[in-house]
Amino acid sequence: AYESDTNKAMKIMKDVLDQDEGVLKTPASRIFVGDLAESAVQLIAQFFVDLRVNSEERNVQFRLLQKILAAFEENGVKIPFPQTDVHIKNN
């Protein structure tokens, strides 16, 4: 969410990636801002896996998403939902 601490969120994501056994240490994973969307700052996680060990790359991705979500909840980082403000004027 725009009111969340982006640097804190990026650090949490990096820590999760660095601690996961399925993510390669080199090349190093990266976290960066991907977009300033309508309802959220979208963060991108770029990481590498060894497909000889992790033949199901999607399983690593799903596991990381669950860990990141749990870490965000533990640390008070809000996940936004799309919303629209409507202002009604009486003339």
Protein backbone atom coordinates (compact mmCIF):
# COMPACT_ATOMS: atom_id res chain seq x y z
CA ALA A 1 0.00 0.00 0.00
CA TYR A 2 1.17 3.56 -0.58
CA GLU A 3 1.13 4.21 3.16
CA SER A 4 3.41 1.22 3.86
CA ASP A 5 7.15 1.62 4.28
CA THR A 6 8.45 0.49 0.88
CA ASN A 7 12.04 0.08 2.08
CA LYS A 8 10.84 -2.12 4.94
CA ALA A 9 8.75 -4.22 2.55
CA MET A 10 11.68 -4.62 0.18
CA LYS A 11 13.98 -5.69 3.03
CA ILE A 12 11.43 -8.25 4.23
CA MET A 13 11.15 -9.69 0.73
CA LYS A 14 14.95 -9.83 0.35
CA ASP A 15 15.31 -11.58 3.71
CA VAL A 16 12.70 -14.20 2.73
CA LEU A 17 14.50 -14.85 -0.56
CA ASP A 18 17.93 -15.02 1.10
CA GLN A 19 16.69 -17.55 3.68
CA ASP A 20 14.90 -19.88 1.26
CA GLU A 21 16.81 -23.03 0.35
CA GLY A 22 15.38 -23.05 -3.18
CA VAL A 23 16.78 -19.64 -4.14
CA LEU A 24 20.33 -19.52 -5.49
CA LYS A 25 22.77 -17.24 -3.68
CA THR A 26 24.44 -16.28 -6.99
CA PRO A 27 23.37 -14.49 -8.95
CA ALA A 28 21.95 -12.55 -6.03
CA SER A 29 18.23 -11.94 -5.82
CA ARG A 30 16.95 -8.39 -6.36
CA ILE A 31 13.90 -6.48 -5.18
CA PHE A 32 12.82 -3.34 -6.98
CA VAL A 33 9.81 -1.09 -7.57
CA GLY A 34 8.04 -2.33 -10.68
CA ASP A 35 5.14 0.10 -10.93
CA LEU A 36 3.31 2.90 -9.18
CA ALA A 37 -0.18 1.55 -9.75
CA GLU A 38 -3.53 3.08 -8.87
CA SER A 39 -3.84 1.39 -5.48
CA ALA A 40 -0.36 0.13 -4.73
CA VAL A 41 3.37 0.35 -5.13
CA GLN A 42 4.14 -2.89 -6.95
CA LEU A 43 7.36 -4.58 -5.90
CA ILE A 44 9.16 -7.12 -8.09
CA ALA A 45 11.29 -9.97 -6.77
CA GLN A 46 13.88 -11.32 -9.19
CA PHE A 47 15.53 -14.56 -8.10
CA PHE A 48 17.11 -17.65 -9.59
CA VAL A 49 16.56 -21.35 -8.91
CA ASP A 50 18.47 -24.45 -9.96
CA LEU A 51 15.99 -26.40 -12.09
CA ARG A 52 18.04 -29.58 -11.62
CA VAL A 53 17.14 -29.43 -7.93
CA ASN A 54 13.83 -27.57 -8.14
CA SER A 55 12.19 -29.07 -11.19
CA GLU A 56 8.95 -27.36 -10.16
CA GLU A 57 10.02 -23.72 -10.26
CA ARG A 58 6.40 -22.67 -9.63
CA ASN A 59 6.46 -24.48 -6.27
CA VAL A 60 9.38 -22.28 -5.18
CA GLN A 61 7.50 -19.19 -6.33
CA PHE A 62 4.31 -20.19 -4.50
CA ARG A 63 6.26 -21.01 -1.31
CA LEU A 64 8.00 -17.62 -1.45
CA LEU A 65 4.72 -15.77 -1.94
CA GLN A 66 3.28 -17.48 1.14
CA LYS A 67 6.37 -16.66 3.20
CA ILE A 68 6.39 -13.03 2.04
CA LEU A 69 2.69 -12.62 2.82
CA ALA A 70 3.20 -14.06 6.32
CA ALA A 71 6.23 -11.84 6.91
CA PHE A 72 4.30 -8.77 5.75
CA GLU A 73 1.46 -9.59 8.16
CA GLU A 74 3.92 -10.10 11.04
CA ASN A 75 5.61 -6.77 10.32
CA GLY A 76 2.54 -4.62 9.66
CA VAL A 77 3.10 -4.16 5.92
CA LYS A 78 -0.32 -3.67 4.35
CA ILE A 79 -1.39 -5.41 1.15
CA PRO A 80 -3.78 -3.00 -0.60
CA PHE A 81 -6.95 -3.84 -2.44
CA PRO A 82 -8.17 -1.92 -5.47
CA GLN A 83 -10.47 0.90 -4.51
CA THR A 84 -12.07 3.90 -6.10
CA ASP A 85 -13.17 7.07 -4.35
CA VAL A 86 -16.38 8.59 -5.67
CA HIS A 87 -17.18 12.23 -4.95
CA ILE A 88 -20.74 13.36 -5.48
CA LYS A 89 -21.45 17.06 -5.99
CA ASN A 90 -24.85 18.68 -5.52
CA ASN A 91 -25.36 21.70 -7.71
